[in-house]
């Protein structure tokens, strides 16, 4: 049986020293392969299109084109590429824009090396990486950057059943599947099924996008 293909990474940061640091941390992992580096968003998009890495480690604030615009371009191009945002400050309004654009999560740049490696593997497997309660704090703080919270929920949400909407609300409040199961008195397996239906019906890639959508539509209000 052949070994699994290494996860191919693209490092994007405008500071060469930081890229060198990440390369040193990640280069020793046998299942990670750094295929290229970029110093801004324009270069990141070009390399993502040409090399199709599995995961892009994307800095948020860069010259020429920032990480938000680069993430949006990569996602809208429907490339088989996942974006993991790296930020200096966890409560950064730019992160909200990146998550709305389709990033699969975010980490602080000073994250422990082991946590960074685990996050990359998680994102490469198609899952989102963000602590739910940190995401909730982030969206509570910067909810003003989202569309009018008093606007009526878009037609898309009407495809959800009442139970699926309940699950989405609980998800947006930062609850884990186990906590949602307890809150709704159902099994954790049932919650997982409902979450899957929510993502499929709304055309979302992961739980992060589901939480952002819940705030965008006013289904969940800041501080709730």
N, C-alpha and C. Protein backbone atom coordinates (compact mmCIF):
# COMPACT_ATOMS: atom_id res chain seq x y z
N UNK A 1 0.86 -1.20 0.00
CA UNK A 1 0.00 0.00 0.00
C UNK A 1 0.89 1.25 0.00
N UNK A 2 0.68 2.14 -0.96
CA UNK A 2 1.52 3.33 -1.09
C UNK A 2 1.18 4.36 -0.01
N UNK A 3 2.18 5.16 0.34
CA UNK A 3 1.96 6.19 1.33
C UNK A 3 1.10 7.30 0.75
N UNK A 4 0.36 8.00 1.65
CA UNK A 4 -0.48 9.10 1.21
C UNK A 4 0.40 10.24 0.67
N UNK A 5 -0.13 10.94 -0.29
CA UNK A 5 0.61 12.07 -0.87
C UNK A 5 0.75 13.18 0.18
N UNK A 6 1.92 13.81 0.26
CA UNK A 6 2.09 14.90 1.22
C UNK A 6 1.12 16.06 0.94
N UNK A 7 0.79 16.80 1.98
CA UNK A 7 -0.04 18.00 1.84
C UNK A 7 0.83 19.10 1.27
N UNK A 8 0.41 19.67 0.15
CA UNK A 8 1.20 20.68 -0.54
C UNK A 8 0.81 22.08 -0.03
N UNK A 9 1.81 22.84 0.41
CA UNK A 9 1.56 24.14 1.04
C UNK A 9 2.13 25.30 0.22
N UNK A 10 1.40 26.42 0.26
CA UNK A 10 1.89 27.68 -0.28
C UNK A 10 1.95 28.66 0.89
N UNK A 11 3.14 29.21 1.16
CA UNK A 11 3.32 30.18 2.24
C UNK A 11 3.21 31.60 1.68
N UNK A 12 2.32 32.40 2.27
CA UNK A 12 2.11 33.77 1.77
C UNK A 12 2.26 34.75 2.93
N UNK A 13 3.32 35.56 2.88
CA UNK A 13 3.55 36.58 3.90
C UNK A 13 4.52 37.60 3.31
N UNK A 14 4.30 38.88 3.60
CA UNK A 14 5.17 39.90 3.01
C UNK A 14 6.50 40.03 3.75
N UNK A 15 6.67 39.31 4.86
CA UNK A 15 7.93 39.36 5.60
C UNK A 15 8.73 38.07 5.38
N UNK A 16 9.83 38.14 4.62
CA UNK A 16 10.64 36.95 4.34
C UNK A 16 11.09 36.20 5.59
N UNK A 17 11.37 36.94 6.65
CA UNK A 17 11.83 36.30 7.88
C UNK A 17 10.76 35.39 8.46
N UNK A 18 9.51 35.84 8.41
CA UNK A 18 8.42 35.01 8.92
C UNK A 18 8.23 33.77 8.05
N UNK A 19 8.34 33.95 6.73
CA UNK A 19 8.23 32.79 5.84
C UNK A 19 9.32 31.78 6.15
N UNK A 20 10.52 32.28 6.41
CA UNK A 20 11.63 31.40 6.76
C UNK A 20 11.33 30.63 8.04
N UNK A 21 10.75 31.33 9.01
CA UNK A 21 10.38 30.69 10.26
C UNK A 21 9.37 29.58 10.07
N UNK A 22 8.33 29.86 9.27
CA UNK A 22 7.32 28.84 8.99
C UNK A 22 7.93 27.66 8.23
N UNK A 23 8.82 27.97 7.31
CA UNK A 23 9.46 26.90 6.54
C UNK A 23 10.28 25.99 7.48
N UNK A 24 10.96 26.58 8.44
CA UNK A 24 11.75 25.80 9.38
C UNK A 24 10.84 24.92 10.25
N UNK A 25 9.72 25.48 10.67
CA UNK A 25 8.79 24.73 11.52
C UNK A 25 8.13 23.59 10.76
N UNK A 26 7.70 23.88 9.52
CA UNK A 26 6.90 22.91 8.77
C UNK A 26 7.74 21.96 7.92
N UNK A 27 8.95 22.38 7.59
CA UNK A 27 9.78 21.59 6.69
C UNK A 27 10.17 20.23 7.22
N UNK A 28 10.14 20.07 8.53
CA UNK A 28 10.53 18.80 9.12
C UNK A 28 9.41 17.78 9.20
N UNK A 29 8.20 18.20 8.81
CA UNK A 29 7.06 17.28 8.87
C UNK A 29 7.02 16.44 7.59
N UNK A 30 7.08 15.10 7.69
CA UNK A 30 7.13 14.26 6.49
C UNK A 30 5.89 14.33 5.61
N UNK A 31 4.76 14.73 6.18
CA UNK A 31 3.53 14.77 5.38
C UNK A 31 3.21 16.17 4.86
N UNK A 32 4.14 17.12 5.03
CA UNK A 32 3.94 18.48 4.53
C UNK A 32 5.02 18.82 3.51
N UNK A 33 4.60 19.42 2.41
CA UNK A 33 5.53 19.78 1.34
C UNK A 33 5.30 21.24 0.94
N UNK A 34 6.23 22.13 1.28
CA UNK A 34 6.11 23.54 0.92
C UNK A 34 6.52 23.70 -0.55
N UNK A 35 5.54 23.98 -1.41
CA UNK A 35 5.81 24.01 -2.85
C UNK A 35 6.23 25.39 -3.35
N UNK A 36 5.89 26.45 -2.59
CA UNK A 36 6.25 27.80 -3.04
C UNK A 36 5.97 28.81 -1.93
N UNK A 37 6.51 30.03 -2.13
CA UNK A 37 6.27 31.14 -1.21
C UNK A 37 5.85 32.36 -2.03
N UNK A 38 5.05 33.23 -1.42
CA UNK A 38 4.63 34.47 -2.08
C UNK A 38 4.72 35.61 -1.08
N UNK A 39 4.97 36.83 -1.59
CA UNK A 39 5.12 37.98 -0.72
C UNK A 39 3.93 38.92 -0.73
N UNK A 40 2.93 38.64 -1.56
CA UNK A 40 1.71 39.45 -1.58
C UNK A 40 0.58 38.66 -2.21
N UNK A 41 -0.62 39.25 -2.18
CA UNK A 41 -1.79 38.55 -2.66
C UNK A 41 -1.79 38.27 -4.15
N UNK A 42 -1.26 39.19 -4.93
CA UNK A 42 -1.23 39.00 -6.38
C UNK A 42 -0.40 37.76 -6.73
N UNK A 43 0.77 37.68 -6.12
CA UNK A 43 1.64 36.53 -6.35
C UNK A 43 1.00 35.25 -5.83
N UNK A 44 0.28 35.36 -4.72
CA UNK A 44 -0.38 34.19 -4.13
C UNK A 44 -1.41 33.60 -5.08
N UNK A 45 -2.20 34.47 -5.71
CA UNK A 45 -3.23 34.00 -6.64
C UNK A 45 -2.59 33.30 -7.83
N UNK A 46 -1.54 33.92 -8.37
CA UNK A 46 -0.86 33.34 -9.52
C UNK A 46 -0.31 31.95 -9.20
N UNK A 47 0.34 31.82 -8.04
CA UNK A 47 0.92 30.55 -7.65
C UNK A 47 -0.16 29.52 -7.32
N UNK A 48 -1.25 29.96 -6.71
CA UNK A 48 -2.35 29.05 -6.38
C UNK A 48 -2.96 28.46 -7.65
N UNK A 49 -3.13 29.31 -8.66
CA UNK A 49 -3.69 28.84 -9.94
C UNK A 49 -2.74 27.87 -10.63
N UNK A 50 -1.46 28.17 -10.58
CA UNK A 50 -0.47 27.37 -11.32
C UNK A 50 -0.10 26.07 -10.61
N UNK A 51 0.02 26.13 -9.28
CA UNK A 51 0.52 24.97 -8.55
C UNK A 51 -0.57 24.15 -7.85
N UNK A 52 -1.74 24.75 -7.65
CA UNK A 52 -2.86 24.09 -6.96
C UNK A 52 -2.42 23.42 -5.66
N UNK A 53 -1.89 24.20 -4.73
CA UNK A 53 -1.52 23.63 -3.42
C UNK A 53 -2.78 23.19 -2.68
N UNK A 54 -2.63 22.29 -1.73
CA UNK A 54 -3.79 21.86 -0.94
C UNK A 54 -4.22 22.95 0.03
N UNK A 55 -3.23 23.62 0.63
CA UNK A 55 -3.50 24.64 1.65
C UNK A 55 -2.61 25.85 1.41
N UNK A 56 -3.22 27.03 1.50
CA UNK A 56 -2.47 28.28 1.45
C UNK A 56 -2.45 28.87 2.86
N UNK A 57 -1.26 29.08 3.41
CA UNK A 57 -1.13 29.82 4.67
C UNK A 57 -1.04 31.29 4.29
N UNK A 58 -2.09 32.03 4.55
CA UNK A 58 -2.26 33.38 4.00
C UNK A 58 -2.15 34.47 5.07
N UNK A 59 -1.17 35.34 4.92
CA UNK A 59 -1.09 36.52 5.78
C UNK A 59 -2.27 37.42 5.45
N UNK A 60 -2.73 38.20 6.42
CA UNK A 60 -3.93 39.00 6.20
C UNK A 60 -3.63 40.40 5.67
N UNK A 61 -2.54 41.01 6.15
CA UNK A 61 -2.22 42.39 5.77
C UNK A 61 -0.93 42.40 4.95
N UNK A 62 -1.07 42.71 3.65
CA UNK A 62 0.09 42.71 2.75
C UNK A 62 -0.05 43.84 1.74
N UNK A 63 1.08 44.28 1.16
CA UNK A 63 1.03 45.31 0.12
C UNK A 63 0.47 44.76 -1.19
N UNK A 64 0.13 45.63 -2.09
CA UNK A 64 -0.39 45.30 -3.42
C UNK A 64 -1.76 44.67 -3.37
N UNK A 65 -1.90 43.56 -2.69
CA UNK A 65 -3.22 42.93 -2.49
C UNK A 65 -3.20 42.20 -1.15
N UNK A 66 -4.19 42.48 -0.31
CA UNK A 66 -4.19 41.85 1.01
C UNK A 66 -4.74 40.43 0.96
N UNK A 67 -4.71 39.76 2.11
CA UNK A 67 -5.13 38.37 2.17
C UNK A 67 -6.61 38.16 1.95
N UNK A 68 -7.42 39.18 2.25
CA UNK A 68 -8.86 39.07 2.04
C UNK A 68 -9.17 38.98 0.55
N UNK A 69 -8.63 39.91 -0.22
CA UNK A 69 -8.88 39.92 -1.67
C UNK A 69 -8.31 38.67 -2.33
N UNK A 70 -7.12 38.25 -1.87
CA UNK A 70 -6.51 37.06 -2.45
C UNK A 70 -7.33 35.81 -2.15
N UNK A 71 -7.83 35.72 -0.93
CA UNK A 71 -8.68 34.58 -0.56
C UNK A 71 -9.93 34.55 -1.41
N UNK A 72 -10.56 35.71 -1.57
CA UNK A 72 -11.79 35.79 -2.36
C UNK A 72 -11.54 35.34 -3.80
N UNK A 73 -10.43 35.77 -4.38
CA UNK A 73 -10.12 35.41 -5.76
C UNK A 73 -9.88 33.90 -5.90
N UNK A 74 -9.20 33.32 -4.94
CA UNK A 74 -8.92 31.89 -4.98
C UNK A 74 -10.21 31.08 -4.85
N UNK A 75 -11.08 31.50 -3.92
CA UNK A 75 -12.34 30.78 -3.71
C UNK A 75 -13.27 30.94 -4.92
N UNK A 76 -13.37 32.17 -5.44
CA UNK A 76 -14.27 32.41 -6.56
C UNK A 76 -13.81 31.70 -7.83
N UNK A 77 -12.51 31.43 -7.92
CA UNK A 77 -11.98 30.69 -9.08
C UNK A 77 -12.27 29.19 -8.96
N UNK A 78 -12.87 28.81 -7.81
CA UNK A 78 -13.23 27.41 -7.55
C UNK A 78 -12.02 26.48 -7.67
N UNK A 79 -10.89 26.97 -7.20
CA UNK A 79 -9.69 26.14 -7.17
C UNK A 79 -9.81 25.12 -6.02
N UNK A 80 -9.27 23.93 -6.18
CA UNK A 80 -9.31 22.93 -5.11
C UNK A 80 -8.26 23.25 -4.04
N UNK A 81 -8.37 24.46 -3.51
CA UNK A 81 -7.35 24.99 -2.60
C UNK A 81 -8.05 25.54 -1.35
N UNK A 82 -7.54 25.21 -0.18
CA UNK A 82 -8.08 25.73 1.08
C UNK A 82 -7.17 26.83 1.62
N UNK A 83 -7.78 27.84 2.22
CA UNK A 83 -7.01 28.97 2.74
C UNK A 83 -7.10 29.01 4.26
N UNK A 84 -5.94 29.07 4.90
CA UNK A 84 -5.85 29.20 6.34
C UNK A 84 -5.19 30.55 6.63
N UNK A 85 -5.94 31.44 7.28
CA UNK A 85 -5.48 32.80 7.52
C UNK A 85 -4.54 32.85 8.74
N UNK A 86 -3.47 33.62 8.60
CA UNK A 86 -2.56 33.87 9.70
C UNK A 86 -2.63 35.34 10.06
N UNK A 87 -2.87 35.64 11.31
CA UNK A 87 -3.05 37.03 11.72
C UNK A 87 -2.25 37.35 12.98
N UNK A 88 -1.84 38.59 13.11
CA UNK A 88 -1.11 39.02 14.30
C UNK A 88 -2.06 39.18 15.49
N UNK A 89 -3.28 39.63 15.21
CA UNK A 89 -4.28 39.84 16.26
C UNK A 89 -5.49 38.97 15.98
N UNK A 90 -5.94 38.20 16.99
CA UNK A 90 -7.07 37.31 16.74
C UNK A 90 -8.37 38.08 16.52
N UNK A 91 -8.53 39.23 17.17
CA UNK A 91 -9.73 40.04 16.95
C UNK A 91 -9.41 41.13 15.91
N UNK A 92 -9.29 40.70 14.68
CA UNK A 92 -8.89 41.57 13.57
C UNK A 92 -10.04 41.62 12.57
N UNK A 93 -10.54 42.85 12.28
CA UNK A 93 -11.69 42.96 11.38
C UNK A 93 -11.39 42.39 9.99
N UNK A 94 -10.12 42.39 9.60
CA UNK A 94 -9.77 41.81 8.31
C UNK A 94 -10.08 40.31 8.28
N UNK A 95 -10.00 39.66 9.43
CA UNK A 95 -10.27 38.23 9.49
C UNK A 95 -11.73 37.96 9.13
N UNK A 96 -12.64 38.84 9.58
CA UNK A 96 -14.05 38.67 9.24
C UNK A 96 -14.21 38.65 7.72
N UNK A 97 -13.55 39.59 7.05
CA UNK A 97 -13.64 39.65 5.60
C UNK A 97 -13.09 38.39 4.95
N UNK A 98 -12.00 37.87 5.49
CA UNK A 98 -11.39 36.67 4.92
C UNK A 98 -12.30 35.46 5.12
N UNK A 99 -12.94 35.36 6.28
CA UNK A 99 -13.84 34.25 6.52
C UNK A 99 -15.07 34.35 5.62
N UNK A 100 -15.58 35.54 5.44
CA UNK A 100 -16.71 35.73 4.52
C UNK A 100 -16.30 35.37 3.10
N UNK A 101 -15.04 35.62 2.77
CA UNK A 101 -14.55 35.35 1.42
C UNK A 101 -14.34 33.86 1.18
N UNK A 102 -14.33 33.07 2.25
CA UNK A 102 -14.22 31.63 2.06
C UNK A 102 -13.04 30.96 2.71
N UNK A 103 -12.30 31.69 3.56
CA UNK A 103 -11.19 31.06 4.27
C UNK A 103 -11.73 29.96 5.19
N UNK A 104 -10.93 28.93 5.40
CA UNK A 104 -11.36 27.80 6.22
C UNK A 104 -11.01 27.95 7.69
N UNK A 105 -10.58 29.14 8.08
CA UNK A 105 -10.27 29.39 9.47
C UNK A 105 -9.11 30.34 9.62
N UNK A 106 -8.72 30.58 10.87
CA UNK A 106 -7.60 31.49 11.10
C UNK A 106 -6.85 31.11 12.36
N UNK A 107 -5.58 31.47 12.39
CA UNK A 107 -4.72 31.23 13.54
C UNK A 107 -3.87 32.46 13.77
N UNK A 108 -3.46 32.66 15.03
CA UNK A 108 -2.51 33.72 15.32
C UNK A 108 -1.13 33.28 14.85
N UNK A 109 -0.30 34.23 14.44
CA UNK A 109 1.03 33.90 13.93
C UNK A 109 1.93 33.29 15.00
N UNK A 110 1.62 33.54 16.27
CA UNK A 110 2.45 32.98 17.33
C UNK A 110 1.89 31.65 17.86
N UNK A 111 1.05 31.00 17.05
CA UNK A 111 0.47 29.72 17.45
C UNK A 111 1.60 28.70 17.67
N UNK A 112 1.48 27.83 18.66
CA UNK A 112 2.49 26.79 18.85
C UNK A 112 2.65 25.94 17.59
N UNK A 113 3.87 25.51 17.33
CA UNK A 113 4.17 24.77 16.10
C UNK A 113 3.27 23.55 15.93
N UNK A 114 3.07 22.79 17.00
CA UNK A 114 2.25 21.58 16.91
C UNK A 114 0.82 21.92 16.50
N UNK A 115 0.29 23.02 17.05
CA UNK A 115 -1.08 23.42 16.71
C UNK A 115 -1.19 23.84 15.25
N UNK A 116 -0.16 24.49 14.74
CA UNK A 116 -0.15 24.91 13.34
C UNK A 116 -0.17 23.69 12.42
N UNK A 117 0.64 22.70 12.74
CA UNK A 117 0.69 21.48 11.92
C UNK A 117 -0.66 20.77 11.94
N UNK A 118 -1.25 20.66 13.12
CA UNK A 118 -2.57 20.01 13.23
C UNK A 118 -3.61 20.78 12.42
N UNK A 119 -3.55 22.12 12.50
CA UNK A 119 -4.51 22.95 11.76
C UNK A 119 -4.38 22.74 10.26
N UNK A 120 -3.17 22.67 9.76
CA UNK A 120 -2.95 22.45 8.33
C UNK A 120 -3.54 21.12 7.91
N UNK A 121 -3.29 20.09 8.69
CA UNK A 121 -3.83 18.76 8.36
C UNK A 121 -5.35 18.77 8.39
N UNK A 122 -5.92 19.49 9.35
CA UNK A 122 -7.38 19.56 9.47
C UNK A 122 -8.00 20.25 8.27
N UNK A 123 -7.42 21.39 7.88
CA UNK A 123 -7.94 22.13 6.74
C UNK A 123 -7.78 21.32 5.45
N UNK A 124 -6.65 20.65 5.31
CA UNK A 124 -6.42 19.83 4.11
C UNK A 124 -7.45 18.72 4.00
N UNK A 125 -7.95 18.26 5.15
CA UNK A 125 -8.96 17.19 5.16
C UNK A 125 -10.37 17.72 4.91
N UNK A 126 -10.49 19.04 4.72
CA UNK A 126 -11.78 19.61 4.40
C UNK A 126 -12.55 20.18 5.58
N UNK A 127 -11.93 20.20 6.74
CA UNK A 127 -12.59 20.74 7.92
C UNK A 127 -12.17 22.19 8.15
N UNK A 128 -12.94 22.89 9.01
CA UNK A 128 -12.61 24.26 9.34
C UNK A 128 -11.75 24.31 10.60
N UNK A 129 -10.93 25.33 10.71
CA UNK A 129 -10.09 25.49 11.89
C UNK A 129 -10.36 26.86 12.50
N UNK A 130 -11.07 26.86 13.59
CA UNK A 130 -11.27 28.08 14.37
C UNK A 130 -12.00 27.66 15.63
N UNK A 131 -11.56 28.17 16.75
CA UNK A 131 -12.28 27.89 17.99
C UNK A 131 -13.62 28.60 17.92
N UNK A 132 -14.73 27.87 18.03
CA UNK A 132 -16.06 28.48 17.85
C UNK A 132 -16.29 29.72 18.70
N UNK A 133 -15.84 29.68 19.96
CA UNK A 133 -16.11 30.83 20.83
C UNK A 133 -15.26 32.04 20.45
N UNK A 134 -14.05 31.80 19.91
CA UNK A 134 -13.24 32.91 19.43
C UNK A 134 -13.91 33.53 18.21
N UNK A 135 -14.44 32.68 17.35
CA UNK A 135 -15.15 33.19 16.16
C UNK A 135 -16.36 34.01 16.59
N UNK A 136 -17.07 33.55 17.59
CA UNK A 136 -18.23 34.30 18.06
C UNK A 136 -17.81 35.67 18.60
N UNK A 137 -16.72 35.71 19.39
CA UNK A 137 -16.22 37.00 19.90
C UNK A 137 -15.84 37.92 18.75
N UNK A 138 -15.22 37.35 17.74
CA UNK A 138 -14.79 38.11 16.58
C UNK A 138 -16.00 38.73 15.87
N UNK A 139 -17.01 37.91 15.63
CA UNK A 139 -18.19 38.39 14.90
C UNK A 139 -19.03 39.34 15.75
N UNK A 140 -19.08 39.10 17.05
CA UNK A 140 -19.78 40.04 17.93
C UNK A 140 -19.12 41.42 17.84
N UNK A 141 -17.79 41.43 17.85
CA UNK A 141 -17.05 42.69 17.87
C UNK A 141 -17.18 43.45 16.55
N UNK A 142 -17.17 42.71 15.45
CA UNK A 142 -17.15 43.38 14.14
C UNK A 142 -18.44 43.16 13.34
N UNK A 143 -19.52 42.90 14.05
CA UNK A 143 -20.79 42.66 13.35
C UNK A 143 -21.19 43.84 12.48
N UNK A 144 -20.72 45.03 12.84
CA UNK A 144 -21.05 46.21 12.04
C UNK A 144 -20.49 46.17 10.64
N UNK A 145 -19.50 45.30 10.42
CA UNK A 145 -18.93 45.20 9.07
C UNK A 145 -19.75 44.27 8.18
N UNK A 146 -20.71 43.57 8.79
CA UNK A 146 -21.56 42.67 8.02
C UNK A 146 -22.76 43.45 7.49
N UNK A 147 -23.52 42.88 6.58
CA UNK A 147 -24.71 43.57 6.05
C UNK A 147 -25.69 43.92 7.16
N UNK A 148 -26.62 44.78 6.86
CA UNK A 148 -27.61 45.28 7.81
C UNK A 148 -28.26 44.11 8.57
N UNK A 149 -28.07 44.05 9.90
CA UNK A 149 -28.63 42.93 10.65
C UNK A 149 -30.15 42.94 10.71
N UNK A 150 -30.77 44.08 10.37
CA UNK A 150 -32.23 44.15 10.37
C UNK A 150 -32.84 43.71 9.04
N UNK A 151 -31.99 43.41 8.09
CA UNK A 151 -32.50 42.96 6.79
C UNK A 151 -33.14 41.59 6.94
N UNK A 152 -34.14 41.34 6.12
CA UNK A 152 -34.82 40.05 6.17
C UNK A 152 -33.86 38.94 5.74
N UNK A 153 -33.97 37.77 6.37
CA UNK A 153 -33.12 36.66 5.94
C UNK A 153 -33.30 36.38 4.45
N UNK A 154 -32.23 36.10 3.75
CA UNK A 154 -32.35 35.84 2.32
C UNK A 154 -33.16 34.58 2.06
N UNK A 155 -33.63 34.47 0.85
CA UNK A 155 -34.46 33.34 0.45
C UNK A 155 -33.76 32.00 0.73
N UNK A 156 -32.45 32.00 0.61
CA UNK A 156 -31.69 30.75 0.77
C UNK A 156 -32.00 30.04 2.09
N UNK A 157 -32.18 30.80 3.18
CA UNK A 157 -32.40 30.17 4.47
C UNK A 157 -33.73 29.42 4.52
N UNK A 158 -34.62 29.74 3.61
CA UNK A 158 -35.93 29.08 3.63
C UNK A 158 -35.86 27.63 3.18
N UNK A 159 -34.73 27.23 2.64
CA UNK A 159 -34.59 25.82 2.24
C UNK A 159 -34.33 24.94 3.46
N UNK A 160 -34.03 25.56 4.61
CA UNK A 160 -33.75 24.79 5.81
C UNK A 160 -35.04 24.41 6.53
N UNK A 161 -35.04 23.25 7.15
CA UNK A 161 -36.16 22.87 8.01
C UNK A 161 -36.04 23.66 9.32
N UNK A 162 -37.10 23.65 10.12
CA UNK A 162 -37.07 24.35 11.39
C UNK A 162 -35.92 23.82 12.26
N UNK A 163 -35.73 22.51 12.27
CA UNK A 163 -34.68 21.91 13.09
C UNK A 163 -33.30 22.31 12.58
N UNK A 164 -33.13 22.37 11.27
CA UNK A 164 -31.85 22.77 10.70
C UNK A 164 -31.53 24.22 11.05
N UNK A 165 -32.55 25.07 11.07
CA UNK A 165 -32.34 26.46 11.47
C UNK A 165 -31.93 26.53 12.94
N UNK A 166 -32.57 25.70 13.77
CA UNK A 166 -32.19 25.65 15.19
C UNK A 166 -30.73 25.26 15.35
N UNK A 167 -30.31 24.26 14.59
CA UNK A 167 -28.93 23.80 14.67
C UNK A 167 -27.98 24.90 14.22
N UNK A 168 -28.34 25.62 13.16
CA UNK A 168 -27.50 26.71 12.67
C UNK A 168 -27.36 27.80 13.72
N UNK A 169 -28.45 28.13 14.41
CA UNK A 169 -28.40 29.13 15.48
C UNK A 169 -27.45 28.69 16.59
N UNK A 170 -27.57 27.44 17.01
CA UNK A 170 -26.71 26.93 18.08
C UNK A 170 -25.25 26.89 17.64
N UNK A 171 -25.04 26.55 16.38
CA UNK A 171 -23.70 26.51 15.81
C UNK A 171 -23.07 27.90 15.88
N UNK A 172 -23.87 28.90 15.51
CA UNK A 172 -23.38 30.28 15.48
C UNK A 172 -23.12 30.83 16.88
N UNK A 173 -23.70 30.20 17.89
CA UNK A 173 -23.47 30.63 19.27
C UNK A 173 -22.19 30.03 19.83
N UNK A 174 -21.49 29.27 19.01
CA UNK A 174 -20.21 28.72 19.43
C UNK A 174 -20.29 27.37 20.10
N UNK A 175 -21.40 26.66 19.95
CA UNK A 175 -21.54 25.36 20.58
C UNK A 175 -20.94 24.25 19.72
N UNK A 176 -20.37 23.26 20.37
CA UNK A 176 -19.87 22.07 19.68
C UNK A 176 -21.05 21.16 19.35
N UNK A 177 -20.80 20.13 18.55
CA UNK A 177 -21.87 19.19 18.22
C UNK A 177 -22.45 18.56 19.48
N UNK A 178 -21.56 18.20 20.43
CA UNK A 178 -22.03 17.57 21.67
C UNK A 178 -22.91 18.54 22.46
N UNK A 179 -22.53 19.80 22.51
CA UNK A 179 -23.31 20.80 23.25
C UNK A 179 -24.64 21.07 22.56
N UNK A 180 -24.64 21.09 21.23
CA UNK A 180 -25.89 21.28 20.48
C UNK A 180 -26.82 20.10 20.75
N UNK A 181 -26.26 18.90 20.77
CA UNK A 181 -27.06 17.70 21.02
C UNK A 181 -27.76 17.79 22.38
N UNK A 182 -27.01 18.24 23.38
CA UNK A 182 -27.61 18.39 24.72
C UNK A 182 -28.67 19.48 24.73
N UNK A 183 -28.40 20.58 24.05
CA UNK A 183 -29.35 21.71 24.05
C UNK A 183 -30.66 21.35 23.37
N UNK A 184 -30.58 20.53 22.33
CA UNK A 184 -31.77 20.18 21.55
C UNK A 184 -32.33 18.80 21.88
N UNK A 185 -31.68 18.13 22.85
CA UNK A 185 -32.11 16.80 23.27
C UNK A 185 -32.17 15.80 22.12
N UNK A 186 -31.11 15.79 21.34
CA UNK A 186 -30.99 14.82 20.25
C UNK A 186 -29.60 14.20 20.34
N UNK A 187 -29.34 13.20 19.51
CA UNK A 187 -28.03 12.56 19.55
C UNK A 187 -27.00 13.40 18.80
N UNK A 188 -25.72 13.19 19.12
CA UNK A 188 -24.66 13.91 18.43
C UNK A 188 -24.62 13.53 16.95
N UNK A 189 -24.93 12.28 16.67
CA UNK A 189 -24.97 11.83 15.27
C UNK A 189 -26.04 12.59 14.48
N UNK A 190 -27.18 12.82 15.13
CA UNK A 190 -28.26 13.58 14.49
C UNK A 190 -27.81 15.01 14.21
N UNK A 191 -27.08 15.61 15.15
CA UNK A 191 -26.58 16.97 14.96
C UNK A 191 -25.63 17.01 13.76
N UNK A 192 -24.72 16.04 13.69
CA UNK A 192 -23.78 15.99 12.57
C UNK A 192 -24.51 15.91 11.25
N UNK A 193 -25.59 15.12 11.23
CA UNK A 193 -26.40 15.00 10.00
C UNK A 193 -27.03 16.33 9.64
N UNK A 194 -27.60 17.01 10.64
CA UNK A 194 -28.24 18.31 10.39
C UNK A 194 -27.21 19.34 9.91
N UNK A 195 -26.03 19.36 10.53
CA UNK A 195 -24.98 20.29 10.10
C UNK A 195 -24.62 20.03 8.64
N UNK A 196 -24.48 18.77 8.28
CA UNK A 196 -24.19 18.41 6.90
C UNK A 196 -25.26 18.90 5.94
N UNK A 197 -26.53 18.77 6.33
CA UNK A 197 -27.62 19.24 5.49
C UNK A 197 -27.59 20.76 5.33
N UNK A 198 -27.29 21.45 6.43
CA UNK A 198 -27.22 22.92 6.38
C UNK A 198 -26.15 23.36 5.39
N UNK A 199 -24.98 22.75 5.48
CA UNK A 199 -23.88 23.12 4.59
C UNK A 199 -24.24 22.83 3.14
N UNK A 200 -24.82 21.67 2.90
CA UNK A 200 -25.17 21.27 1.53
C UNK A 200 -26.24 22.18 0.94
N UNK A 201 -27.30 22.40 1.70
CA UNK A 201 -28.43 23.20 1.20
C UNK A 201 -28.04 24.65 0.92
N UNK A 202 -27.13 25.20 1.75
CA UNK A 202 -26.76 26.61 1.60
C UNK A 202 -25.50 26.78 0.76
N UNK A 203 -24.95 25.67 0.28
CA UNK A 203 -23.76 25.75 -0.57
C UNK A 203 -22.54 26.28 0.15
N UNK A 204 -22.39 25.89 1.43
CA UNK A 204 -21.28 26.36 2.25
C UNK A 204 -20.21 25.28 2.35
N UNK A 205 -18.96 25.71 2.48
CA UNK A 205 -17.86 24.74 2.51
C UNK A 205 -17.61 24.16 3.90
N UNK A 206 -17.92 24.93 4.94
CA UNK A 206 -17.62 24.43 6.29
C UNK A 206 -18.41 25.21 7.33
N UNK A 207 -18.19 24.85 8.60
CA UNK A 207 -18.92 25.45 9.71
C UNK A 207 -18.62 26.93 9.86
N UNK A 208 -17.40 27.33 9.54
CA UNK A 208 -17.04 28.74 9.66
C UNK A 208 -17.95 29.59 8.79
N UNK A 209 -18.11 29.19 7.54
CA UNK A 209 -18.98 29.95 6.64
C UNK A 209 -20.43 29.94 7.13
N UNK A 210 -20.84 28.84 7.75
CA UNK A 210 -22.20 28.77 8.28
C UNK A 210 -22.41 29.79 9.40
N UNK A 211 -21.42 29.91 10.27
CA UNK A 211 -21.53 30.87 11.38
C UNK A 211 -21.57 32.30 10.83
N UNK A 212 -20.71 32.61 9.88
CA UNK A 212 -20.69 33.95 9.30
C UNK A 212 -22.03 34.26 8.65
N UNK A 213 -22.59 33.28 7.93
CA UNK A 213 -23.88 33.49 7.28
C UNK A 213 -24.98 33.77 8.31
N UNK A 214 -24.94 33.07 9.43
CA UNK A 214 -25.95 33.27 10.47
C UNK A 214 -25.94 34.71 10.97
N UNK A 215 -24.75 35.30 11.08
CA UNK A 215 -24.63 36.70 11.49
C UNK A 215 -25.05 37.63 10.35
N UNK A 216 -24.62 37.31 9.14
CA UNK A 216 -24.94 38.16 7.99
C UNK A 216 -26.44 38.31 7.80
N UNK A 217 -27.17 37.23 8.01
CA UNK A 217 -28.60 37.23 7.74
C UNK A 217 -29.42 37.76 8.89
N UNK A 218 -28.76 37.98 10.06
CA UNK A 218 -29.50 38.43 11.22
C UNK A 218 -30.15 37.30 11.98
N UNK A 219 -29.88 36.04 11.56
CA UNK A 219 -30.43 34.89 12.28
C UNK A 219 -29.90 34.87 13.71
N UNK A 220 -28.66 35.32 13.87
CA UNK A 220 -28.05 35.48 15.20
C UNK A 220 -27.59 36.92 15.32
N UNK A 221 -27.89 37.54 16.45
CA UNK A 221 -27.51 38.93 16.67
C UNK A 221 -26.30 39.01 17.59
N UNK A 222 -25.49 40.05 17.44
CA UNK A 222 -24.31 40.23 18.32
C UNK A 222 -24.71 40.17 19.79
N UNK A 223 -23.94 39.43 20.56
CA UNK A 223 -24.17 39.35 22.00
C UNK A 223 -25.24 38.36 22.41
N UNK A 224 -25.87 37.69 21.42
CA UNK A 224 -26.94 36.76 21.77
C UNK A 224 -26.39 35.45 22.29
